[in-house]
Amino acid sequence: MKVTVSRKAHFNAAHRLYRKDWSHEKNDEVFGKCNNPNFHGHNYELTVSVTGNIDQETGYVIDMKVLKDIIKNEVEDAFDHKNLNVEVPAFKDLNPTTENIAVVIYNKIKPKLDGELDLEITLYETPRNFVTYSGS
């Protein structure tokens, strides 16, 4: 029997959406105010969902303390109160859109999980704008 368990997390981070190979005008046209050269910030809300079979001994899909620690180490410590463009190596050459941030988070967490578990990341940039990624 497959069950999905989820844990919420939060981090604050600044970013700038732009492409180095585009003119300032084209970046402004495509990314608008998100192209601010001085960056801008978001209060990101993250939901990490893990799906798998219930372990017959523990009754868990995953120990939530273990999931909490993975999220803290891989996401919160790495991203919270950071300038994603400048301080997070994954975004050195990757535009830190919400889509790309969600994929990076997935790729950081997935290797820390048992291979039989499925993972889904939901990342809210604002209460109305969010992205879901499950590895496909």
N, C-alpha and C. Protein backbone atom coordinates (compact mmCIF):
# COMPACT_ATOMS: atom_id res chain seq x y z
N MET A 1 0.84 -1.17 0.00
CA MET A 1 0.00 0.00 0.00
C MET A 1 0.89 1.24 0.00
N LYS A 2 0.75 2.07 -1.02
CA LYS A 2 1.55 3.29 -1.14
C LYS A 2 0.86 4.44 -0.41
N VAL A 3 1.66 5.18 0.35
CA VAL A 3 1.17 6.33 1.11
C VAL A 3 2.14 7.48 0.86
N THR A 4 1.60 8.70 0.81
CA THR A 4 2.43 9.89 0.65
C THR A 4 2.45 10.66 1.96
N VAL A 5 3.65 10.97 2.43
CA VAL A 5 3.82 11.83 3.60
C VAL A 5 4.51 13.11 3.14
N SER A 6 4.18 14.21 3.79
CA SER A 6 4.72 15.50 3.36
C SER A 6 5.22 16.29 4.56
N ARG A 7 6.23 17.09 4.30
CA ARG A 7 6.74 18.02 5.30
C ARG A 7 6.90 19.38 4.65
N LYS A 8 6.48 20.41 5.38
CA LYS A 8 6.62 21.78 4.90
C LYS A 8 7.88 22.41 5.48
N ALA A 9 8.45 23.32 4.71
CA ALA A 9 9.63 24.06 5.14
C ALA A 9 9.54 25.46 4.54
N HIS A 10 10.46 26.31 4.94
CA HIS A 10 10.42 27.71 4.54
C HIS A 10 11.85 28.22 4.40
N PHE A 11 12.08 29.07 3.41
CA PHE A 11 13.35 29.78 3.35
C PHE A 11 13.14 31.11 2.64
N ASN A 12 13.97 32.07 2.99
CA ASN A 12 13.95 33.39 2.36
C ASN A 12 15.21 33.49 1.51
N ALA A 13 15.04 33.96 0.28
CA ALA A 13 16.21 34.07 -0.59
C ALA A 13 15.99 35.17 -1.62
N ALA A 14 17.09 35.74 -2.07
CA ALA A 14 17.06 36.76 -3.12
C ALA A 14 17.55 36.14 -4.42
N HIS A 15 17.08 36.71 -5.52
CA HIS A 15 17.57 36.27 -6.82
C HIS A 15 17.34 37.35 -7.86
N ARG A 16 17.91 37.13 -9.00
CA ARG A 16 17.68 37.97 -10.18
C ARG A 16 17.51 37.03 -11.35
N LEU A 17 16.45 37.25 -12.12
CA LEU A 17 16.24 36.46 -13.32
C LEU A 17 16.80 37.22 -14.50
N TYR A 18 17.78 36.63 -15.13
CA TYR A 18 18.37 37.24 -16.33
C TYR A 18 19.29 36.23 -17.00
N ARG A 19 19.57 36.52 -18.25
CA ARG A 19 20.53 35.71 -19.00
C ARG A 19 21.71 36.60 -19.35
N LYS A 20 22.91 36.12 -19.03
CA LYS A 20 24.12 36.89 -19.28
C LYS A 20 24.33 37.15 -20.77
N ASP A 21 23.82 36.24 -21.61
CA ASP A 21 24.04 36.36 -23.04
C ASP A 21 22.99 37.23 -23.74
N TRP A 22 22.03 37.79 -22.98
CA TRP A 22 21.02 38.67 -23.56
C TRP A 22 21.33 40.12 -23.21
N SER A 23 20.83 41.03 -24.03
CA SER A 23 20.96 42.46 -23.74
C SER A 23 20.10 42.82 -22.53
N HIS A 24 20.41 43.97 -21.93
CA HIS A 24 19.61 44.45 -20.79
C HIS A 24 18.15 44.63 -21.23
N GLU A 25 17.95 45.12 -22.46
CA GLU A 25 16.59 45.34 -22.96
C GLU A 25 15.81 44.04 -23.10
N LYS A 26 16.47 43.01 -23.64
CA LYS A 26 15.77 41.73 -23.79
C LYS A 26 15.48 41.10 -22.43
N ASN A 27 16.42 41.19 -21.49
CA ASN A 27 16.18 40.69 -20.14
C ASN A 27 15.00 41.42 -19.50
N ASP A 28 14.94 42.74 -19.67
CA ASP A 28 13.81 43.52 -19.13
C ASP A 28 12.49 43.09 -19.76
N GLU A 29 12.52 42.87 -21.07
CA GLU A 29 11.31 42.47 -21.79
C GLU A 29 10.78 41.12 -21.30
N VAL A 30 11.70 40.16 -21.09
CA VAL A 30 11.29 38.81 -20.71
C VAL A 30 11.03 38.68 -19.21
N PHE A 31 11.92 39.25 -18.38
CA PHE A 31 11.84 39.01 -16.94
C PHE A 31 11.27 40.18 -16.14
N GLY A 32 11.11 41.35 -16.78
CA GLY A 32 10.49 42.50 -16.11
C GLY A 32 11.19 42.86 -14.81
N LYS A 33 10.40 43.12 -13.76
CA LYS A 33 10.98 43.56 -12.49
C LYS A 33 11.85 42.49 -11.83
N CYS A 34 11.70 41.25 -12.27
CA CYS A 34 12.54 40.17 -11.73
C CYS A 34 13.99 40.28 -12.24
N ASN A 35 14.23 41.18 -13.21
CA ASN A 35 15.56 41.42 -13.74
C ASN A 35 16.27 42.54 -12.98
N ASN A 36 15.79 42.95 -11.85
CA ASN A 36 16.40 44.03 -11.08
C ASN A 36 17.88 43.70 -10.80
N PRO A 37 18.80 44.54 -11.27
CA PRO A 37 20.24 44.27 -11.08
C PRO A 37 20.64 44.19 -9.60
N ASN A 38 19.81 44.76 -8.72
CA ASN A 38 20.08 44.72 -7.28
C ASN A 38 19.38 43.55 -6.59
N PHE A 39 18.77 42.67 -7.40
CA PHE A 39 18.11 41.46 -6.91
C PHE A 39 16.79 41.80 -6.21
N HIS A 40 16.02 40.78 -5.90
CA HIS A 40 14.78 40.91 -5.13
C HIS A 40 14.57 39.59 -4.41
N GLY A 41 13.72 39.61 -3.38
CA GLY A 41 13.60 38.43 -2.55
C GLY A 41 12.22 37.84 -2.48
N HIS A 42 12.15 36.61 -2.03
CA HIS A 42 10.89 35.90 -1.83
C HIS A 42 10.95 35.14 -0.51
N ASN A 43 9.78 34.93 0.05
CA ASN A 43 9.61 34.03 1.20
C ASN A 43 9.08 32.72 0.63
N TYR A 44 9.98 31.83 0.30
CA TYR A 44 9.60 30.57 -0.35
C TYR A 44 8.99 29.61 0.66
N GLU A 45 7.93 28.95 0.24
CA GLU A 45 7.31 27.88 1.02
C GLU A 45 7.53 26.58 0.25
N LEU A 46 7.99 25.57 0.93
CA LEU A 46 8.36 24.31 0.30
C LEU A 46 7.56 23.17 0.92
N THR A 47 7.03 22.30 0.07
CA THR A 47 6.44 21.05 0.55
C THR A 47 7.19 19.91 -0.11
N VAL A 48 7.74 19.04 0.72
CA VAL A 48 8.47 17.86 0.25
C VAL A 48 7.58 16.66 0.55
N SER A 49 7.19 15.95 -0.51
CA SER A 49 6.30 14.79 -0.36
C SER A 49 7.04 13.52 -0.78
N VAL A 50 6.95 12.51 0.07
CA VAL A 50 7.62 11.24 -0.16
C VAL A 50 6.55 10.15 -0.20
N THR A 51 6.58 9.35 -1.26
CA THR A 51 5.60 8.28 -1.43
C THR A 51 6.30 6.94 -1.43
N GLY A 52 5.72 6.01 -0.68
CA GLY A 52 6.27 4.66 -0.64
C GLY A 52 5.38 3.74 0.15
N ASN A 53 5.85 2.55 0.31
CA ASN A 53 5.13 1.56 1.11
C ASN A 53 5.37 1.80 2.59
N ILE A 54 4.36 1.49 3.39
CA ILE A 54 4.50 1.61 4.83
C ILE A 54 5.36 0.45 5.34
N ASP A 55 6.41 0.79 6.06
CA ASP A 55 7.27 -0.24 6.65
C ASP A 55 6.47 -0.99 7.71
N GLN A 56 6.45 -2.30 7.62
CA GLN A 56 5.62 -3.11 8.52
C GLN A 56 6.12 -3.07 9.96
N GLU A 57 7.41 -2.83 10.17
CA GLU A 57 7.95 -2.77 11.53
C GLU A 57 7.70 -1.43 12.19
N THR A 58 7.98 -0.33 11.44
CA THR A 58 7.88 1.00 12.05
C THR A 58 6.53 1.66 11.84
N GLY A 59 5.85 1.29 10.78
CA GLY A 59 4.61 1.97 10.42
C GLY A 59 4.85 3.25 9.63
N TYR A 60 6.10 3.54 9.32
CA TYR A 60 6.49 4.76 8.59
C TYR A 60 6.69 4.47 7.10
N VAL A 61 6.45 5.51 6.28
CA VAL A 61 6.98 5.53 4.92
C VAL A 61 8.43 6.00 5.02
N ILE A 62 8.63 7.07 5.79
CA ILE A 62 9.96 7.60 6.12
C ILE A 62 9.82 8.25 7.49
N ASP A 63 10.84 8.12 8.28
CA ASP A 63 10.85 8.79 9.58
C ASP A 63 10.87 10.30 9.32
N MET A 64 9.87 11.00 9.83
CA MET A 64 9.75 12.44 9.56
C MET A 64 10.93 13.23 10.13
N LYS A 65 11.55 12.74 11.18
CA LYS A 65 12.75 13.40 11.72
C LYS A 65 13.88 13.31 10.71
N VAL A 66 14.00 12.17 10.06
CA VAL A 66 15.02 12.00 9.02
C VAL A 66 14.73 12.96 7.86
N LEU A 67 13.46 13.04 7.43
CA LEU A 67 13.09 13.95 6.35
C LEU A 67 13.35 15.39 6.75
N LYS A 68 13.00 15.75 7.97
CA LYS A 68 13.24 17.11 8.48
C LYS A 68 14.73 17.45 8.39
N ASP A 69 15.59 16.53 8.81
CA ASP A 69 17.03 16.78 8.79
C ASP A 69 17.57 16.90 7.37
N ILE A 70 17.06 16.08 6.45
CA ILE A 70 17.48 16.18 5.04
C ILE A 70 17.11 17.55 4.49
N ILE A 71 15.88 18.00 4.74
CA ILE A 71 15.43 19.30 4.24
C ILE A 71 16.28 20.42 4.85
N LYS A 72 16.55 20.33 6.13
CA LYS A 72 17.36 21.37 6.79
C LYS A 72 18.76 21.43 6.16
N ASN A 73 19.39 20.26 6.04
CA ASN A 73 20.77 20.23 5.53
C ASN A 73 20.88 20.58 4.06
N GLU A 74 19.96 20.08 3.25
CA GLU A 74 20.07 20.22 1.80
C GLU A 74 19.43 21.49 1.25
N VAL A 75 18.44 22.03 1.96
CA VAL A 75 17.71 23.19 1.44
C VAL A 75 17.83 24.40 2.35
N GLU A 76 17.34 24.28 3.55
CA GLU A 76 17.31 25.46 4.42
C GLU A 76 18.70 26.01 4.69
N ASP A 77 19.65 25.17 5.08
CA ASP A 77 21.00 25.66 5.35
C ASP A 77 21.66 26.20 4.09
N ALA A 78 21.34 25.61 2.94
CA ALA A 78 21.98 26.00 1.68
C ALA A 78 21.37 27.25 1.05
N PHE A 79 20.06 27.49 1.26
CA PHE A 79 19.37 28.55 0.54
C PHE A 79 18.89 29.71 1.41
N ASP A 80 18.62 29.47 2.69
CA ASP A 80 17.97 30.48 3.52
C ASP A 80 18.87 31.70 3.71
N HIS A 81 18.27 32.87 3.46
CA HIS A 81 18.95 34.16 3.58
C HIS A 81 20.20 34.23 2.70
N LYS A 82 20.06 33.65 1.50
CA LYS A 82 21.16 33.68 0.53
C LYS A 82 20.71 34.41 -0.73
N ASN A 83 21.69 34.94 -1.43
CA ASN A 83 21.47 35.43 -2.78
C ASN A 83 21.75 34.23 -3.69
N LEU A 84 20.70 33.68 -4.27
CA LEU A 84 20.84 32.43 -5.02
C LEU A 84 21.84 32.57 -6.17
N ASN A 85 21.81 33.70 -6.87
CA ASN A 85 22.70 33.90 -8.01
C ASN A 85 24.17 33.92 -7.59
N VAL A 86 24.44 34.46 -6.41
CA VAL A 86 25.81 34.73 -5.99
C VAL A 86 26.34 33.67 -5.03
N GLU A 87 25.50 33.18 -4.13
CA GLU A 87 25.98 32.34 -3.03
C GLU A 87 25.69 30.85 -3.17
N VAL A 88 24.90 30.46 -4.15
CA VAL A 88 24.54 29.04 -4.29
C VAL A 88 25.13 28.52 -5.60
N PRO A 89 26.13 27.66 -5.51
CA PRO A 89 26.85 27.20 -6.70
C PRO A 89 25.96 26.63 -7.80
N ALA A 90 24.85 26.00 -7.45
CA ALA A 90 23.96 25.40 -8.47
C ALA A 90 23.43 26.45 -9.45
N PHE A 91 23.40 27.72 -9.02
CA PHE A 91 22.83 28.76 -9.88
C PHE A 91 23.89 29.66 -10.51
N LYS A 92 25.13 29.21 -10.47
CA LYS A 92 26.20 29.99 -11.10
C LYS A 92 25.90 30.19 -12.58
N ASP A 93 25.44 29.12 -13.24
CA ASP A 93 25.12 29.20 -14.67
C ASP A 93 23.70 28.75 -14.96
N LEU A 94 22.84 28.78 -13.94
CA LEU A 94 21.45 28.36 -14.09
C LEU A 94 20.55 29.46 -13.55
N ASN A 95 19.63 29.95 -14.38
CA ASN A 95 18.73 31.02 -13.97
C ASN A 95 17.86 30.53 -12.81
N PRO A 96 17.87 31.21 -11.66
CA PRO A 96 17.15 30.72 -10.48
C PRO A 96 15.64 31.01 -10.52
N THR A 97 15.00 30.52 -11.57
CA THR A 97 13.54 30.58 -11.63
C THR A 97 12.97 29.60 -10.61
N THR A 98 11.72 29.75 -10.28
CA THR A 98 11.10 28.81 -9.34
C THR A 98 11.17 27.39 -9.89
N GLU A 99 10.99 27.25 -11.20
CA GLU A 99 11.08 25.93 -11.84
C GLU A 99 12.45 25.32 -11.60
N ASN A 100 13.51 26.09 -11.86
CA ASN A 100 14.86 25.57 -11.69
C ASN A 100 15.20 25.31 -10.23
N ILE A 101 14.72 26.17 -9.33
CA ILE A 101 14.97 25.96 -7.90
C ILE A 101 14.34 24.64 -7.45
N ALA A 102 13.10 24.39 -7.90
CA ALA A 102 12.41 23.14 -7.53
C ALA A 102 13.19 21.92 -8.02
N VAL A 103 13.71 21.97 -9.23
CA VAL A 103 14.49 20.85 -9.78
C VAL A 103 15.79 20.67 -8.99
N VAL A 104 16.45 21.76 -8.66
CA VAL A 104 17.69 21.67 -7.86
C VAL A 104 17.40 21.05 -6.50
N ILE A 105 16.32 21.48 -5.86
CA ILE A 105 15.95 20.91 -4.55
C ILE A 105 15.68 19.41 -4.70
N TYR A 106 14.93 19.03 -5.71
CA TYR A 106 14.66 17.61 -5.96
C TYR A 106 15.98 16.84 -6.08
N ASN A 107 16.89 17.37 -6.89
CA ASN A 107 18.17 16.69 -7.14
C ASN A 107 19.06 16.63 -5.91
N LYS A 108 18.86 17.53 -4.97
CA LYS A 108 19.63 17.50 -3.71
C LYS A 108 19.03 16.48 -2.73
N ILE A 109 17.70 16.35 -2.72
CA ILE A 109 17.04 15.48 -1.75
C ILE A 109 16.96 14.03 -2.22
N LYS A 110 16.67 13.82 -3.48
CA LYS A 110 16.42 12.46 -3.99
C LYS A 110 17.54 11.46 -3.64
N PRO A 111 18.82 11.82 -3.80
CA PRO A 111 19.88 10.84 -3.48
C PRO A 111 19.95 10.49 -1.99
N LYS A 112 19.34 11.29 -1.14
CA LYS A 112 19.37 11.04 0.31
C LYS A 112 18.27 10.08 0.74
N LEU A 113 17.37 9.73 -0.17
CA LEU A 113 16.23 8.86 0.15
C LEU A 113 16.49 7.44 -0.31
N ASP A 114 15.81 6.51 0.32
CA ASP A 114 15.81 5.12 -0.13
C ASP A 114 15.34 5.11 -1.58
N GLY A 115 15.99 4.34 -2.42
CA GLY A 115 15.70 4.32 -3.86
C GLY A 115 14.28 3.91 -4.22
N GLU A 116 13.58 3.24 -3.32
CA GLU A 116 12.21 2.80 -3.60
C GLU A 116 11.17 3.89 -3.33
N LEU A 117 11.61 5.01 -2.75
CA LEU A 117 10.69 6.10 -2.43
C LEU A 117 10.59 7.08 -3.59
N ASP A 118 9.38 7.55 -3.84
CA ASP A 118 9.16 8.59 -4.84
C ASP A 118 9.16 9.94 -4.13
N LEU A 119 9.58 10.96 -4.86
CA LEU A 119 9.71 12.30 -4.30
C LEU A 119 8.97 13.30 -5.17
N GLU A 120 8.29 14.24 -4.52
CA GLU A 120 7.66 15.36 -5.22
C GLU A 120 7.97 16.62 -4.44
N ILE A 121 8.38 17.65 -5.16
CA ILE A 121 8.70 18.95 -4.59
C ILE A 121 7.66 19.95 -5.06
N THR A 122 7.07 20.67 -4.12
CA THR A 122 6.19 21.79 -4.46
C THR A 122 6.80 23.03 -3.82
N LEU A 123 7.10 24.02 -4.65
CA LEU A 123 7.76 25.23 -4.19
C LEU A 123 6.89 26.44 -4.52
N TYR A 124 6.51 27.17 -3.48
CA TYR A 124 5.72 28.39 -3.64
C TYR A 124 6.66 29.59 -3.62
N GLU A 125 6.66 30.36 -4.71
CA GLU A 125 7.39 31.61 -4.74
C GLU A 125 6.56 32.71 -4.08
N THR A 126 5.26 32.65 -4.33
CA THR A 126 4.28 33.52 -3.69
C THR A 126 3.10 32.62 -3.33
N PRO A 127 2.16 33.10 -2.54
CA PRO A 127 1.00 32.24 -2.23
C PRO A 127 0.22 31.78 -3.47
N ARG A 128 0.34 32.52 -4.57
CA ARG A 128 -0.41 32.18 -5.78
C ARG A 128 0.43 31.55 -6.88
N ASN A 129 1.74 31.66 -6.80
CA ASN A 129 2.63 31.13 -7.84
C ASN A 129 3.48 30.01 -7.27
N PHE A 130 3.31 28.80 -7.82
CA PHE A 130 4.08 27.67 -7.32
C PHE A 130 4.36 26.67 -8.43
N VAL A 131 5.34 25.82 -8.17
CA VAL A 131 5.82 24.83 -9.12
C VAL A 131 5.85 23.47 -8.42
N THR A 132 5.48 22.43 -9.14
CA THR A 132 5.58 21.07 -8.62
C THR A 132 6.47 20.27 -9.56
N TYR A 133 7.41 19.52 -8.98
CA TYR A 133 8.31 18.69 -9.77
C TYR A 133 8.48 17.34 -9.09
N SER A 134 8.36 16.28 -9.91
CA SER A 134 8.49 14.93 -9.36
C SER A 134 9.49 14.08 -10.15
N GLY A 135 10.43 14.73 -10.79
CA GLY A 135 11.52 13.99 -11.40
C GLY A 135 11.31 13.52 -12.82
N SER A 136 10.23 13.92 -13.46
CA SER A 136 10.03 13.47 -14.83
C SER A 136 9.76 14.62 -15.76
